Each structure stands twice: as C-alpha cells, then as structure tokens.
Amino acid sequence: MDKPGWQPPAWAFPAVWTPLYASIAWSAGHAVSRADGRRRRALMIGFGANLALNASWTWLFFGRRSPTAGVWGTVLLDASNLQLVRQVWRGDPKAAAALAPYAGWCLFATALSASLARRN
C-alpha cells in the first residue's frame, strides 16, 4: 500500500487511541451521570452509536480491504462526533471538551484515509 509521508508510524496509533478511549469513557460517564430521563437515554444512545461507528472503521478499512470504504466510515464517524459533542455540550461542557481530541484525531484519520484511498 502506498502511504503518505505524513502518516504516523504504526506504534503511534495505539499510543494515541489508548488515552482517547479513556477520554471518551470519562466523558460518557461524566455526562450520563449528570443527565436523567430522556436526556440520559439519548446520551447513552449517542455514545453507543458513535462507538459502533468507530469500531466499524476497522472492518471497513481492514476487513474489506477498502480505503474508500474506510473514508466513508470516517466521514460518518466525523458527523457522529459533531452531533455527540453538541449533544453533550448542552448538559456538560467539560465532558464535551474532553471529546475534542477524539474528534480532532478522527478528522485526521479521515484525511489519512482519503489520502490512502487516492493513492491506492
């Protein structure tokens, strides 16, 4: 596979994802614990859907061996991140701010996936 020169080394991905998943977990726990009723349910659905989209990228990109499918997966994940940050912000700005690095890394992943799709 032809990779762009700006792609991080392989070891960087687990080094980045570990704290990102921790911040997602903290944000979810913080936001959900401060919500109730419909809002709590909506947050749980939002976080669940977002993590399902996150997990689907691996299958789209590696399982299907399709950088193009990976791009579409990251675009959907970016849209979900935007919606999730907005949803969380309404009730818990600190928890929403904790999602910012995750959303930023996913935007980077979209650019990287697009570059890989174009090159391959």
PDB file of N, CA and C in Angstrom:
ATOM      1  N   MET A   1       0.844  -1.173   0.000  1.00  0.00           N
ATOM      2  CA  MET A   1       0.000   0.000   0.000  1.00  0.00           C
ATOM      3  C   MET A   1       0.890   1.237   0.000  1.00  0.00           C
ATOM      4  N   ASP A   2       0.594   2.164  -0.882  1.00  0.00           N
ATOM      5  CA  ASP A   2       1.337   3.420  -0.976  1.00  0.00           C
ATOM      6  C   ASP A   2       0.815   4.371   0.105  1.00  0.00           C
ATOM      7  N   LYS A   3       1.698   4.766   1.023  1.00  0.00           N
ATOM      8  CA  LYS A   3       1.309   5.593   2.172  1.00  0.00           C
ATOM      9  C   LYS A   3       1.909   6.985   2.046  1.00  0.00           C
ATOM     10  N   PRO A   4       1.180   8.005   2.547  1.00  0.00           N
ATOM     11  CA  PRO A   4       1.741   9.354   2.510  1.00  0.00           C
ATOM     12  C   PRO A   4       2.879   9.492   3.523  1.00  0.00           C
ATOM     13  N   GLY A   5       3.794  10.392   3.243  1.00  0.00           N
ATOM     14  CA  GLY A   5       4.926  10.613   4.135  1.00  0.00           C
ATOM     15  C   GLY A   5       4.534  11.128   5.506  1.00  0.00           C
ATOM     16  N   TRP A   6       3.352  11.722   5.615  1.00  0.00           N
ATOM     17  CA  TRP A   6       2.908  12.285   6.890  1.00  0.00           C
ATOM     18  C   TRP A   6       2.123  11.290   7.744  1.00  0.00           C
ATOM     19  N   GLN A   7       2.003  10.034   7.278  1.00  0.00           N
ATOM     20  CA  GLN A   7       1.335   9.025   8.099  1.00  0.00           C
ATOM     21  C   GLN A   7       2.204   8.724   9.311  1.00  0.00           C
ATOM     22  N   PRO A   8       1.618   8.733  10.503  1.00  0.00           N
ATOM     23  CA  PRO A   8       2.407   8.411  11.702  1.00  0.00           C
ATOM     24  C   PRO A   8       2.912   6.971  11.657  1.00  0.00           C
ATOM     25  N   PRO A   9       3.975   6.681  12.403  1.00  0.00           N
ATOM     26  CA  PRO A   9       4.454   5.299  12.472  1.00  0.00           C
ATOM     27  C   PRO A   9       3.405   4.416  13.166  1.00  0.00           C
ATOM     28  N   ALA A  10       3.482   3.126  12.909  1.00  0.00           N
ATOM     29  CA  ALA A  10       2.486   2.180  13.434  1.00  0.00           C
ATOM     30  C   ALA A  10       2.338   2.261  14.954  1.00  0.00           C
ATOM     31  N   TRP A  11       3.436   2.452  15.673  1.00  0.00           N
ATOM     32  CA  TRP A  11       3.367   2.484  17.138  1.00  0.00           C
ATOM     33  C   TRP A  11       2.553   3.664  17.654  1.00  0.00           C
ATOM     34  N   ALA A  12       2.392   4.712  16.852  1.00  0.00           N
ATOM     35  CA  ALA A  12       1.671   5.912  17.310  1.00  0.00           C
ATOM     36  C   ALA A  12       0.176   5.661  17.479  1.00  0.00           C
ATOM     37  N   PHE A  13      -0.373   4.754  16.693  1.00  0.00           N
ATOM     38  CA  PHE A  13      -1.819   4.557  16.747  1.00  0.00           C
ATOM     39  C   PHE A  13      -2.293   4.029  18.102  1.00  0.00           C
ATOM     40  N   PRO A  14      -1.733   2.952  18.644  1.00  0.00           N
ATOM     41  CA  PRO A  14      -2.168   2.543  19.983  1.00  0.00           C
ATOM     42  C   PRO A  14      -1.791   3.571  21.052  1.00  0.00           C
ATOM     43  N   ALA A  15      -0.680   4.268  20.841  1.00  0.00           N
ATOM     44  CA  ALA A  15      -0.275   5.285  21.820  1.00  0.00           C
ATOM     45  C   ALA A  15      -1.272   6.434  21.862  1.00  0.00           C
ATOM     46  N   VAL A  16      -1.910   6.732  20.743  1.00  0.00           N
ATOM     47  CA  VAL A  16      -2.907   7.804  20.690  1.00  0.00           C
ATOM     48  C   VAL A  16      -4.279   7.289  21.111  1.00  0.00           C
ATOM     49  N   TRP A  17      -4.658   6.118  20.616  1.00  0.00           N
ATOM     50  CA  TRP A  17      -6.011   5.627  20.891  1.00  0.00           C
ATOM     51  C   TRP A  17      -6.246   5.292  22.360  1.00  0.00           C
ATOM     52  N   THR A  18      -5.253   4.842  23.067  1.00  0.00           N
ATOM     53  CA  THR A  18      -5.454   4.487  24.480  1.00  0.00           C
ATOM     54  C   THR A  18      -5.970   5.679  25.296  1.00  0.00           C
ATOM     55  N   PRO A  19      -5.298   6.833  25.278  1.00  0.00           N
ATOM     56  CA  PRO A  19      -5.854   7.958  26.040  1.00  0.00           C
ATOM     57  C   PRO A  19      -7.149   8.504  25.427  1.00  0.00           C
ATOM     58  N   LEU A  20      -7.308   8.376  24.112  1.00  0.00           N
ATOM     59  CA  LEU A  20      -8.564   8.843  23.518  1.00  0.00           C
ATOM     60  C   LEU A  20      -9.747   8.021  24.026  1.00  0.00           C
ATOM     61  N   TYR A  21      -9.589   6.698  24.064  1.00  0.00           N
ATOM     62  CA  TYR A  21     -10.674   5.866  24.599  1.00  0.00           C
ATOM     63  C   TYR A  21     -10.925   6.176  26.071  1.00  0.00           C
ATOM     64  N   ALA A  22      -9.883   6.469  26.817  1.00  0.00           N
ATOM     65  CA  ALA A  22     -10.071   6.857  28.225  1.00  0.00           C
ATOM     66  C   ALA A  22     -10.860   8.156  28.327  1.00  0.00           C
ATOM     67  N   SER A  23     -10.579   9.110  27.442  1.00  0.00           N
ATOM     68  CA  SER A  23     -11.321  10.388  27.497  1.00  0.00           C
ATOM     69  C   SER A  23     -12.770  10.201  27.059  1.00  0.00           C
ATOM     70  N   ILE A  24     -13.014   9.296  26.113  1.00  0.00           N
ATOM     71  CA  ILE A  24     -14.398   9.007  25.715  1.00  0.00           C
ATOM     72  C   ILE A  24     -15.145   8.390  26.901  1.00  0.00           C
ATOM     73  N   ALA A  25     -14.520   7.430  27.563  1.00  0.00           N
ATOM     74  CA  ALA A  25     -15.149   6.781  28.716  1.00  0.00           C
ATOM     75  C   ALA A  25     -15.432   7.794  29.824  1.00  0.00           C
ATOM     76  N   TRP A  26     -14.448   8.662  30.108  1.00  0.00           N
ATOM     77  CA  TRP A  26     -14.656   9.674  31.148  1.00  0.00           C
ATOM     78  C   TRP A  26     -15.802  10.613  30.752  1.00  0.00           C
ATOM     79  N   SER A  27     -15.797  11.058  29.514  1.00  0.00           N
ATOM     80  CA  SER A  27     -16.832  11.966  29.042  1.00  0.00           C
ATOM     81  C   SER A  27     -18.211  11.318  29.141  1.00  0.00           C
ATOM     82  N   ALA A  28     -18.314  10.075  28.702  1.00  0.00           N
ATOM     83  CA  ALA A  28     -19.600   9.375  28.754  1.00  0.00           C
ATOM     84  C   ALA A  28     -20.080   9.231  30.193  1.00  0.00           C
ATOM     85  N   GLY A  29     -19.195   8.788  31.068  1.00  0.00           N
ATOM     86  CA  GLY A  29     -19.579   8.630  32.466  1.00  0.00           C
ATOM     87  C   GLY A  29     -19.980   9.935  33.106  1.00  0.00           C
ATOM     88  N   HIS A  30     -19.221  10.974  32.828  1.00  0.00           N
ATOM     89  CA  HIS A  30     -19.498  12.291  33.400  1.00  0.00           C
ATOM     90  C   HIS A  30     -20.838  12.839  32.901  1.00  0.00           C
ATOM     91  N   ALA A  31     -21.036  12.796  31.597  1.00  0.00           N
ATOM     92  CA  ALA A  31     -22.252  13.362  31.011  1.00  0.00           C
ATOM     93  C   ALA A  31     -23.496  12.558  31.376  1.00  0.00           C
ATOM     94  N   VAL A  32     -23.395  11.243  31.282  1.00  0.00           N
ATOM     95  CA  VAL A  32     -24.562  10.396  31.559  1.00  0.00           C
ATOM     96  C   VAL A  32     -24.947  10.462  33.035  1.00  0.00           C
ATOM     97  N   SER A  33     -23.964  10.527  33.914  1.00  0.00           N
ATOM     98  CA  SER A  33     -24.276  10.567  35.347  1.00  0.00           C
ATOM     99  C   SER A  33     -24.953  11.875  35.758  1.00  0.00           C
ATOM    100  N   ARG A  34     -24.827  12.923  34.953  1.00  0.00           N
ATOM    101  CA  ARG A  34     -25.429  14.206  35.267  1.00  0.00           C
ATOM    102  C   ARG A  34     -26.767  14.425  34.552  1.00  0.00           C
ATOM    103  N   ALA A  35     -27.151  13.470  33.734  1.00  0.00           N
ATOM    104  CA  ALA A  35     -28.405  13.582  32.988  1.00  0.00           C
ATOM    105  C   ALA A  35     -29.439  12.636  33.592  1.00  0.00           C
ATOM    106  N   ASP A  36     -30.684  12.871  33.236  1.00  0.00           N
ATOM    107  CA  ASP A  36     -31.724  11.947  33.659  1.00  0.00           C
ATOM    108  C   ASP A  36     -32.789  11.822  32.571  1.00  0.00           C
ATOM    109  N   GLY A  37     -33.620  10.816  32.721  1.00  0.00           N
ATOM    110  CA  GLY A  37     -34.739  10.615  31.822  1.00  0.00           C
ATOM    111  C   GLY A  37     -34.342  10.479  30.353  1.00  0.00           C
ATOM    112  N   ARG A  38     -35.079  11.199  29.527  1.00  0.00           N
ATOM    113  CA  ARG A  38     -34.848  11.152  28.084  1.00  0.00           C
ATOM    114  C   ARG A  38     -33.446  11.582  27.691  1.00  0.00           C
ATOM    115  N   ARG A  39     -32.958  12.604  28.373  1.00  0.00           N
ATOM    116  CA  ARG A  39     -31.620  13.113  28.043  1.00  0.00           C
ATOM    117  C   ARG A  39     -30.549  12.052  28.309  1.00  0.00           C
ATOM    118  N   ARG A  40     -30.699  11.354  29.420  1.00  0.00           N
ATOM    119  CA  ARG A  40     -29.749  10.290  29.760  1.00  0.00           C
ATOM    120  C   ARG A  40     -29.784   9.186  28.700  1.00  0.00           C
ATOM    121  N   ARG A  41     -30.985   8.784  28.326  1.00  0.00           N
ATOM    122  CA  ARG A  41     -31.142   7.733  27.302  1.00  0.00           C
ATOM    123  C   ARG A  41     -30.557   8.205  25.978  1.00  0.00           C
ATOM    124  N   ALA A  42     -30.816   9.442  25.598  1.00  0.00           N
ATOM    125  CA  ALA A  42     -30.291   9.979  24.336  1.00  0.00           C
ATOM    126  C   ALA A  42     -28.762   9.998  24.344  1.00  0.00           C
ATOM    127  N   LEU A  43     -28.171  10.350  25.468  1.00  0.00           N
ATOM    128  CA  LEU A  43     -26.708  10.350  25.572  1.00  0.00           C
ATOM    129  C   LEU A  43     -26.148   8.937  25.448  1.00  0.00           C
ATOM    130  N   MET A  44     -26.779   7.988  26.099  1.00  0.00           N
ATOM    131  CA  MET A  44     -26.302   6.608  26.025  1.00  0.00           C
ATOM    132  C   MET A  44     -26.412   6.080  24.592  1.00  0.00           C
ATOM    133  N   ILE A  45     -27.484   6.409  23.916  1.00  0.00           N
ATOM    134  CA  ILE A  45     -27.634   6.006  22.517  1.00  0.00           C
ATOM    135  C   ILE A  45     -26.582   6.700  21.653  1.00  0.00           C
ATOM    136  N   GLY A  46     -26.364   7.982  21.896  1.00  0.00           N
ATOM    137  CA  GLY A  46     -25.371   8.733  21.125  1.00  0.00           C
ATOM    138  C   GLY A  46     -23.965   8.171  21.277  1.00  0.00           C
ATOM    139  N   PHE A  47     -23.563   7.889  22.510  1.00  0.00           N
ATOM    140  CA  PHE A  47     -22.234   7.313  22.734  1.00  0.00           C
ATOM    141  C   PHE A  47     -22.146   5.909  22.140  1.00  0.00           C
ATOM    142  N   GLY A  48     -23.191   5.115  22.301  1.00  0.00           N
ATOM    143  CA  GLY A  48     -23.185   3.762  21.749  1.00  0.00           C
ATOM    144  C   GLY A  48     -23.080   3.758  20.232  1.00  0.00           C
ATOM    145  N   ALA A  49     -23.864   4.608  19.583  1.00  0.00           N
ATOM    146  CA  ALA A  49     -23.828   4.694  18.120  1.00  0.00           C
ATOM    147  C   ALA A  49     -22.456   5.169  17.652  1.00  0.00           C
ATOM    148  N   ASN A  50     -21.899   6.136  18.363  1.00  0.00           N
ATOM    149  CA  ASN A  50     -20.594   6.653  17.987  1.00  0.00           C
ATOM    150  C   ASN A  50     -19.519   5.578  18.084  1.00  0.00           C
ATOM    151  N   LEU A  51     -19.528   4.813  19.155  1.00  0.00           N
ATOM    152  CA  LEU A  51     -18.522   3.763  19.308  1.00  0.00           C
ATOM    153  C   LEU A  51     -18.735   2.638  18.297  1.00  0.00           C
ATOM    154  N   ALA A  52     -19.982   2.379  17.903  1.00  0.00           N
ATOM    155  CA  ALA A  52     -20.236   1.386  16.854  1.00  0.00           C
ATOM    156  C   ALA A  52     -19.650   1.868  15.525  1.00  0.00           C
ATOM    157  N   LEU A  53     -19.826   3.144  15.217  1.00  0.00           N
ATOM    158  CA  LEU A  53     -19.221   3.695  14.003  1.00  0.00           C
ATOM    159  C   LEU A  53     -17.701   3.648  14.085  1.00  0.00           C
ATOM    160  N   ASN A  54     -17.172   3.937  15.252  1.00  0.00           N
ATOM    161  CA  ASN A  54     -15.730   3.879  15.458  1.00  0.00           C
ATOM    162  C   ASN A  54     -15.215   2.468  15.160  1.00  0.00           C
ATOM    163  N   ALA A  55     -15.876   1.469  15.716  1.00  0.00           N
ATOM    164  CA  ALA A  55     -15.455   0.083  15.508  1.00  0.00           C
ATOM    165  C   ALA A  55     -15.637  -0.357  14.061  1.00  0.00           C
ATOM    166  N   SER A  56     -16.638   0.188  13.394  1.00  0.00           N
ATOM    167  CA  SER A  56     -16.905  -0.245  12.013  1.00  0.00           C
ATOM    168  C   SER A  56     -15.781   0.164  11.063  1.00  0.00           C
ATOM    169  N   TRP A  57     -15.056   1.237  11.395  1.00  0.00           N
ATOM    170  CA  TRP A  57     -13.980   1.667  10.504  1.00  0.00           C
ATOM    171  C   TRP A  57     -12.955   0.547  10.308  1.00  0.00           C
ATOM    172  N   THR A  58     -12.594  -0.132  11.372  1.00  0.00           N
ATOM    173  CA  THR A  58     -11.601  -1.196  11.278  1.00  0.00           C
ATOM    174  C   THR A  58     -12.066  -2.265  10.291  1.00  0.00           C
ATOM    175  N   TRP A  59     -13.328  -2.639  10.374  1.00  0.00           N
ATOM    176  CA  TRP A  59     -13.861  -3.643   9.461  1.00  0.00           C
ATOM    177  C   TRP A  59     -13.907  -3.107   8.029  1.00  0.00           C
ATOM    178  N   LEU A  60     -14.351  -1.854   7.874  1.00  0.00           N
ATOM    179  CA  LEU A  60     -14.445  -1.283   6.523  1.00  0.00           C
ATOM    180  C   LEU A  60     -13.069  -1.191   5.861  1.00  0.00           C
ATOM    181  N   PHE A  61     -12.111  -0.678   6.598  1.00  0.00           N
ATOM    182  CA  PHE A  61     -10.781  -0.447   6.028  1.00  0.00           C
ATOM    183  C   PHE A  61      -9.980  -1.745   5.905  1.00  0.00           C
ATOM    184  N   PHE A  62      -9.850  -2.471   7.003  1.00  0.00           N
ATOM    185  CA  PHE A  62      -9.013  -3.671   7.013  1.00  0.00           C
ATOM    186  C   PHE A  62      -9.785  -4.926   6.604  1.00  0.00           C
ATOM    187  N   GLY A  63     -10.971  -5.110   7.157  1.00  0.00           N
ATOM    188  CA  GLY A  63     -11.750  -6.311   6.858  1.00  0.00           C
ATOM    189  C   GLY A  63     -12.149  -6.390   5.392  1.00  0.00           C
ATOM    190  N   ARG A  64     -12.611  -5.289   4.868  1.00  0.00           N
ATOM    191  CA  ARG A  64     -12.989  -5.251   3.450  1.00  0.00           C
ATOM    192  C   ARG A  64     -11.807  -4.902   2.557  1.00  0.00           C
ATOM    193  N   ARG A  65     -10.701  -4.516   3.193  1.00  0.00           N
ATOM    194  CA  ARG A  65      -9.505  -4.079   2.454  1.00  0.00           C
ATOM    195  C   ARG A  65      -9.864  -2.976   1.467  1.00  0.00           C
ATOM    196  N   SER A  66     -10.573  -1.980   2.010  1.00  0.00           N
ATOM    197  CA  SER A  66     -11.071  -0.907   1.157  1.00  0.00           C
ATOM    198  C   SER A  66     -10.809   0.456   1.781  1.00  0.00           C
ATOM    199  N   PRO A  67      -9.757   1.141   1.347  1.00  0.00           N
ATOM    200  CA  PRO A  67      -9.536   2.501   1.835  1.00  0.00           C
ATOM    201  C   PRO A  67     -10.726   3.430   1.536  1.00  0.00           C
ATOM    202  N   THR A  68     -11.389   3.221   0.402  1.00  0.00           N
ATOM    203  CA  THR A  68     -12.541   4.063   0.058  1.00  0.00           C
ATOM    204  C   THR A  68     -13.680   3.851   1.051  1.00  0.00           C
ATOM    205  N   ALA A  69     -13.970   2.600   1.394  1.00  0.00           N
ATOM    206  CA  ALA A  69     -14.992   2.334   2.410  1.00  0.00           C
ATOM    207  C   ALA A  69     -14.567   2.933   3.750  1.00  0.00           C
ATOM    208  N   GLY A  70     -13.269   2.882   4.037  1.00  0.00           N
ATOM    209  CA  GLY A  70     -12.766   3.496   5.265  1.00  0.00           C
ATOM    210  C   GLY A  70     -13.018   4.997   5.296  1.00  0.00           C
ATOM    211  N   VAL A  71     -12.875   5.653   4.150  1.00  0.00           N
ATOM    212  CA  VAL A  71     -13.164   7.101   4.092  1.00  0.00           C
ATOM    213  C   VAL A  71     -14.622   7.351   4.451  1.00  0.00           C
ATOM    214  N   TRP A  72     -15.513   6.592   3.843  1.00  0.00           N
ATOM    215  CA  TRP A  72     -16.932   6.795   4.145  1.00  0.00           C
ATOM    216  C   TRP A  72     -17.224   6.513   5.614  1.00  0.00           C
ATOM    217  N   GLY A  73     -16.563   5.515   6.172  1.00  0.00           N
ATOM    218  CA  GLY A  73     -16.735   5.234   7.593  1.00  0.00           C
ATOM    219  C   GLY A  73     -16.271   6.384   8.466  1.00  0.00           C
ATOM    220  N   THR A  74     -15.137   6.994   8.109  1.00  0.00           N
ATOM    221  CA  THR A  74     -14.649   8.115   8.925  1.00  0.00           C
ATOM    222  C   THR A  74     -15.502   9.359   8.740  1.00  0.00           C
ATOM    223  N   VAL A  75     -16.052   9.557   7.556  1.00  0.00           N
ATOM    224  CA  VAL A  75     -16.944  10.702   7.346  1.00  0.00           C
ATOM    225  C   VAL A  75     -18.187  10.558   8.226  1.00  0.00           C
ATOM    226  N   LEU A  76     -18.743   9.351   8.278  1.00  0.00           N
ATOM    227  CA  LEU A  76     -19.898   9.113   9.160  1.00  0.00           C
ATOM    228  C   LEU A  76     -19.507   9.293  10.626  1.00  0.00           C
ATOM    229  N   LEU A  77     -18.313   8.831  10.988  1.00  0.00           N
ATOM    230  CA  LEU A  77     -17.841   8.998  12.357  1.00  0.00           C
ATOM    231  C   LEU A  77     -17.649  10.481  12.692  1.00  0.00           C
ATOM    232  N   ASP A  78     -17.110  11.252  11.755  1.00  0.00           N
ATOM    233  CA  ASP A  78     -16.945  12.694  11.987  1.00  0.00           C
ATOM    234  C   ASP A  78     -18.297  13.370  12.224  1.00  0.00           C
ATOM    235  N   ALA A  79     -19.296  13.001  11.428  1.00  0.00           N
ATOM    236  CA  ALA A  79     -20.637  13.567  11.616  1.00  0.00           C
ATOM    237  C   ALA A  79     -21.192  13.168  12.981  1.00  0.00           C
ATOM    238  N   SER A  80     -20.976  11.918  13.364  1.00  0.00           N
ATOM    239  CA  SER A  80     -21.422  11.459  14.676  1.00  0.00           C
ATOM    240  C   SER A  80     -20.697  12.198  15.796  1.00  0.00           C
ATOM    241  N   ASN A  81     -19.394  12.424  15.625  1.00  0.00           N
ATOM    242  CA  ASN A  81     -18.631  13.172  16.634  1.00  0.00           C
ATOM    243  C   ASN A  81     -19.179  14.572  16.813  1.00  0.00           C
ATOM    244  N   LEU A  82     -19.462  15.241  15.708  1.00  0.00           N
ATOM    245  CA  LEU A  82     -20.020  16.597  15.781  1.00  0.00           C
ATOM    246  C   LEU A  82     -21.342  16.585  16.546  1.00  0.00           C
ATOM    247  N   GLN A  83     -22.217  15.660  16.188  1.00  0.00           N
ATOM    248  CA  GLN A  83     -23.505  15.564  16.869  1.00  0.00           C
ATOM    249  C   GLN A  83     -23.319  15.232  18.351  1.00  0.00           C
ATOM    250  N   LEU A  84     -22.406  14.314  18.651  1.00  0.00           N
ATOM    251  CA  LEU A  84     -22.183  13.917  20.040  1.00  0.00           C
ATOM    252  C   LEU A  84     -21.637  15.076  20.870  1.00  0.00           C
ATOM    253  N   VAL A  85     -20.671  15.801  20.337  1.00  0.00           N
ATOM    254  CA  VAL A  85     -20.118  16.945  21.073  1.00  0.00           C
ATOM    255  C   VAL A  85     -21.216  17.974  21.331  1.00  0.00           C
ATOM    256  N   ARG A  86     -22.037  18.253  20.326  1.00  0.00           N
ATOM    257  CA  ARG A  86     -23.146  19.214  20.511  1.00  0.00           C
ATOM    258  C   ARG A  86     -24.130  18.721  21.563  1.00  0.00           C
ATOM    259  N   GLN A  87     -24.460  17.449  21.503  1.00  0.00           N
ATOM    260  CA  GLN A  87     -25.414  16.856  22.440  1.00  0.00           C
ATOM    261  C   GLN A  87     -24.872  16.901  23.868  1.00  0.00           C
ATOM    262  N   VAL A  88     -23.611  16.541  24.037  1.00  0.00           N
ATOM    263  CA  VAL A  88     -23.002  16.527  25.368  1.00  0.00           C
ATOM    264  C   VAL A  88     -22.826  17.947  25.889  1.00  0.00           C
ATOM    265  N   TRP A  89     -22.460  18.879  25.019  1.00  0.00           N
ATOM    266  CA  TRP A  89     -22.206  20.263  25.416  1.00  0.00           C
ATOM    267  C   TRP A  89     -23.414  20.893  26.118  1.00  0.00           C
ATOM    268  N   ARG A  90     -24.608  20.576  25.632  1.00  0.00           N
ATOM    269  CA  ARG A  90     -25.827  21.172  26.207  1.00  0.00           C
ATOM    270  C   ARG A  90     -25.964  20.901  27.694  1.00  0.00           C
ATOM    271  N   GLY A  91     -25.490  19.755  28.153  1.00  0.00           N
ATOM    272  CA  GLY A  91     -25.647  19.433  29.564  1.00  0.00           C
ATOM    273  C   GLY A  91     -24.361  19.396  30.360  1.00  0.00           C
ATOM    274  N   ASP A  92     -23.216  19.291  29.664  1.00  0.00           N
ATOM    275  CA  ASP A  92     -21.957  19.115  30.370  1.00  0.00           C
ATOM    276  C   ASP A  92     -20.784  19.581  29.501  1.00  0.00           C
ATOM    277  N   PRO A  93     -20.519  20.893  29.491  1.00  0.00           N
ATOM    278  CA  PRO A  93     -19.438  21.415  28.647  1.00  0.00           C
ATOM    279  C   PRO A  93     -18.073  20.788  28.912  1.00  0.00           C
ATOM    280  N   LYS A  94     -17.774  20.436  30.162  1.00  0.00           N
ATOM    281  CA  LYS A  94     -16.480  19.798  30.455  1.00  0.00           C
ATOM    282  C   LYS A  94     -16.372  18.445  29.766  1.00  0.00           C
ATOM    283  N   ALA A  95     -17.443  17.675  29.802  1.00  0.00           N
ATOM    284  CA  ALA A  95     -17.435  16.366  29.146  1.00  0.00           C
ATOM    285  C   ALA A  95     -17.330  16.533  27.630  1.00  0.00           C
ATOM    286  N   ALA A  96     -17.962  17.550  27.096  1.00  0.00           N
ATOM    287  CA  ALA A  96     -17.867  17.811  25.653  1.00  0.00           C
ATOM    288  C   ALA A  96     -16.443  18.208  25.277  1.00  0.00           C
ATOM    289  N   ALA A  97     -15.814  19.038  26.087  1.00  0.00           N
ATOM    290  CA  ALA A  97     -14.437  19.459  25.809  1.00  0.00           C
ATOM    291  C   ALA A  97     -13.486  18.254  25.824  1.00  0.00           C
ATOM    292  N   ALA A  98     -13.778  17.277  26.671  1.00  0.00           N
ATOM    293  CA  ALA A  98     -12.936  16.080  26.728  1.00  0.00           C
ATOM    294  C   ALA A  98     -13.021  15.258  25.442  1.00  0.00           C
ATOM    295  N   LEU A  99     -14.065  15.465  24.654  1.00  0.00           N
ATOM    296  CA  LEU A  99     -14.216  14.758  23.380  1.00  0.00           C
ATOM    297  C   LEU A  99     -13.463  15.436  22.237  1.00  0.00           C
ATOM    298  N   ALA A 100     -13.000  16.653  22.441  1.00  0.00           N
ATOM    299  CA  ALA A 100     -12.353  17.413  21.363  1.00  0.00           C
ATOM    300  C   ALA A 100     -11.128  16.695  20.777  1.00  0.00           C
ATOM    301  N   PRO A 101     -10.221  16.149  21.591  1.00  0.00           N
ATOM    302  CA  PRO A 101      -9.075  15.446  20.986  1.00  0.00           C
ATOM    303  C   PRO A 101      -9.503  14.242  20.152  1.00  0.00           C
ATOM    304  N   TYR A 102     -10.514  13.533  20.598  1.00  0.00           N
ATOM    305  CA  TYR A 102     -11.044  12.394  19.849  1.00  0.00           C
ATOM    306  C   TYR A 102     -11.593  12.852  18.503  1.00  0.00           C
ATOM    307  N   ALA A 103     -12.402  13.895  18.518  1.00  0.00           N
ATOM    308  CA  ALA A 103     -12.957  14.416  17.265  1.00  0.00           C
ATOM    309  C   ALA A 103     -11.837  14.896  16.338  1.00  0.00           C
ATOM    310  N   GLY A 104     -10.836  15.541  16.896  1.00  0.00           N
ATOM    311  CA  GLY A 104      -9.710  16.011  16.092  1.00  0.00           C
ATOM    312  C   GLY A 104      -8.925  14.858  15.477  1.00  0.00           C
ATOM    313  N   TRP A 105      -8.668  13.823  16.253  1.00  0.00           N
ATOM    314  CA  TRP A 105      -7.936  12.672  15.728  1.00  0.00           C
ATOM    315  C   TRP A 105      -8.742  11.980  14.626  1.00  0.00           C
ATOM    316  N   CYS A 106     -10.055  11.924  14.796  1.00  0.00           N
ATOM    317  CA  CYS A 106     -10.895  11.307  13.770  1.00  0.00           C
ATOM    318  C   CYS A 106     -10.879  12.124  12.476  1.00  0.00           C
ATOM    319  N   LEU A 107     -10.831  13.443  12.586  1.00  0.00           N
ATOM    320  CA  LEU A 107     -10.692  14.273  11.380  1.00  0.00           C
ATOM    321  C   LEU A 107      -9.355  13.982  10.693  1.00  0.00           C
ATOM    322  N   PHE A 108      -8.304  13.829  11.480  1.00  0.00           N
ATOM    323  CA  PHE A 108      -7.010  13.447  10.934  1.00  0.00           C
ATOM    324  C   PHE A 108      -7.109  12.084  10.247  1.00  0.00           C
ATOM    325  N   ALA A 109      -7.810  11.144  10.873  1.00  0.00           N
ATOM    326  CA  ALA A 109      -7.984   9.813  10.286  1.00  0.00           C
ATOM    327  C   ALA A 109      -8.747   9.890   8.963  1.00  0.00           C
ATOM    328  N   THR A 110      -9.684  10.811   8.859  1.00  0.00           N
ATOM    329  CA  THR A 110     -10.419  10.997   7.603  1.00  0.00           C
ATOM    330  C   THR A 110      -9.467  11.467   6.512  1.00  0.00           C
ATOM    331  N   ALA A 111      -8.637  12.443   6.847  1.00  0.00           N
ATOM    332  CA  ALA A 111      -7.667  12.941   5.858  1.00  0.00           C
ATOM    333  C   ALA A 111      -6.685  11.840   5.455  1.00  0.00           C
ATOM    334  N   LEU A 112      -6.227  11.066   6.432  1.00  0.00           N
ATOM    335  CA  LEU A 112      -5.293   9.977   6.132  1.00  0.00           C
ATOM    336  C   LEU A 112      -5.972   8.908   5.279  1.00  0.00           C
ATOM    337  N   SER A 113      -7.176   8.533   5.636  1.00  0.00           N
ATOM    338  CA  SER A 113      -7.906   7.530   4.843  1.00  0.00           C
ATOM    339  C   SER A 113      -8.146   8.017   3.427  1.00  0.00           C
ATOM    340  N   ALA A 114      -8.486   9.302   3.268  1.00  0.00           N
ATOM    341  CA  ALA A 114      -8.692   9.857   1.928  1.00  0.00           C
ATOM    342  C   ALA A 114      -7.408   9.829   1.115  1.00  0.00           C
ATOM    343  N   SER A 115      -6.296  10.141   1.756  1.00  0.00           N
ATOM    344  CA  SER A 115      -5.024  10.087   1.059  1.00  0.00           C
ATOM    345  C   SER A 115      -4.688   8.663   0.638  1.00  0.00           C
ATOM    346  N   LEU A 116      -4.921   7.709   1.512  1.00  0.00           N
ATOM    347  CA  LEU A 116      -4.668   6.301   1.193  1.00  0.00           C
ATOM    348  C   LEU A 116      -5.581   5.834   0.055  1.00  0.00           C
ATOM    349  N   ALA A 117      -6.843   6.254   0.086  1.00  0.00           N
ATOM    350  CA  ALA A 117      -7.780   5.861  -0.977  1.00  0.00           C
ATOM    351  C   ALA A 117      -7.346   6.425  -2.321  1.00  0.00           C
ATOM    352  N   ARG A 118      -6.902   7.677  -2.335  1.00  0.00           N
ATOM    353  CA  ARG A 118      -6.437   8.292  -3.588  1.00  0.00           C
ATOM    354  C   ARG A 118      -5.186   7.605  -4.136  1.00  0.00           C
ATOM    355  N   ARG A 119      -4.296   7.233  -3.236  1.00  0.00           N
ATOM    356  CA  ARG A 119      -3.021   6.638  -3.650  1.00  0.00           C
ATOM    357  C   ARG A 119      -3.150   5.163  -4.068  1.00  0.00           C
ATOM    358  N   ASN A 120      -4.186   4.527  -3.574  1.00  0.00           N
ATOM    359  CA  ASN A 120      -4.308   3.086  -3.818  1.00  0.00           C
ATOM    360  C   ASN A 120      -5.587   2.823  -4.547  1.00  0.00           C
TER     361      ASN A 120
END
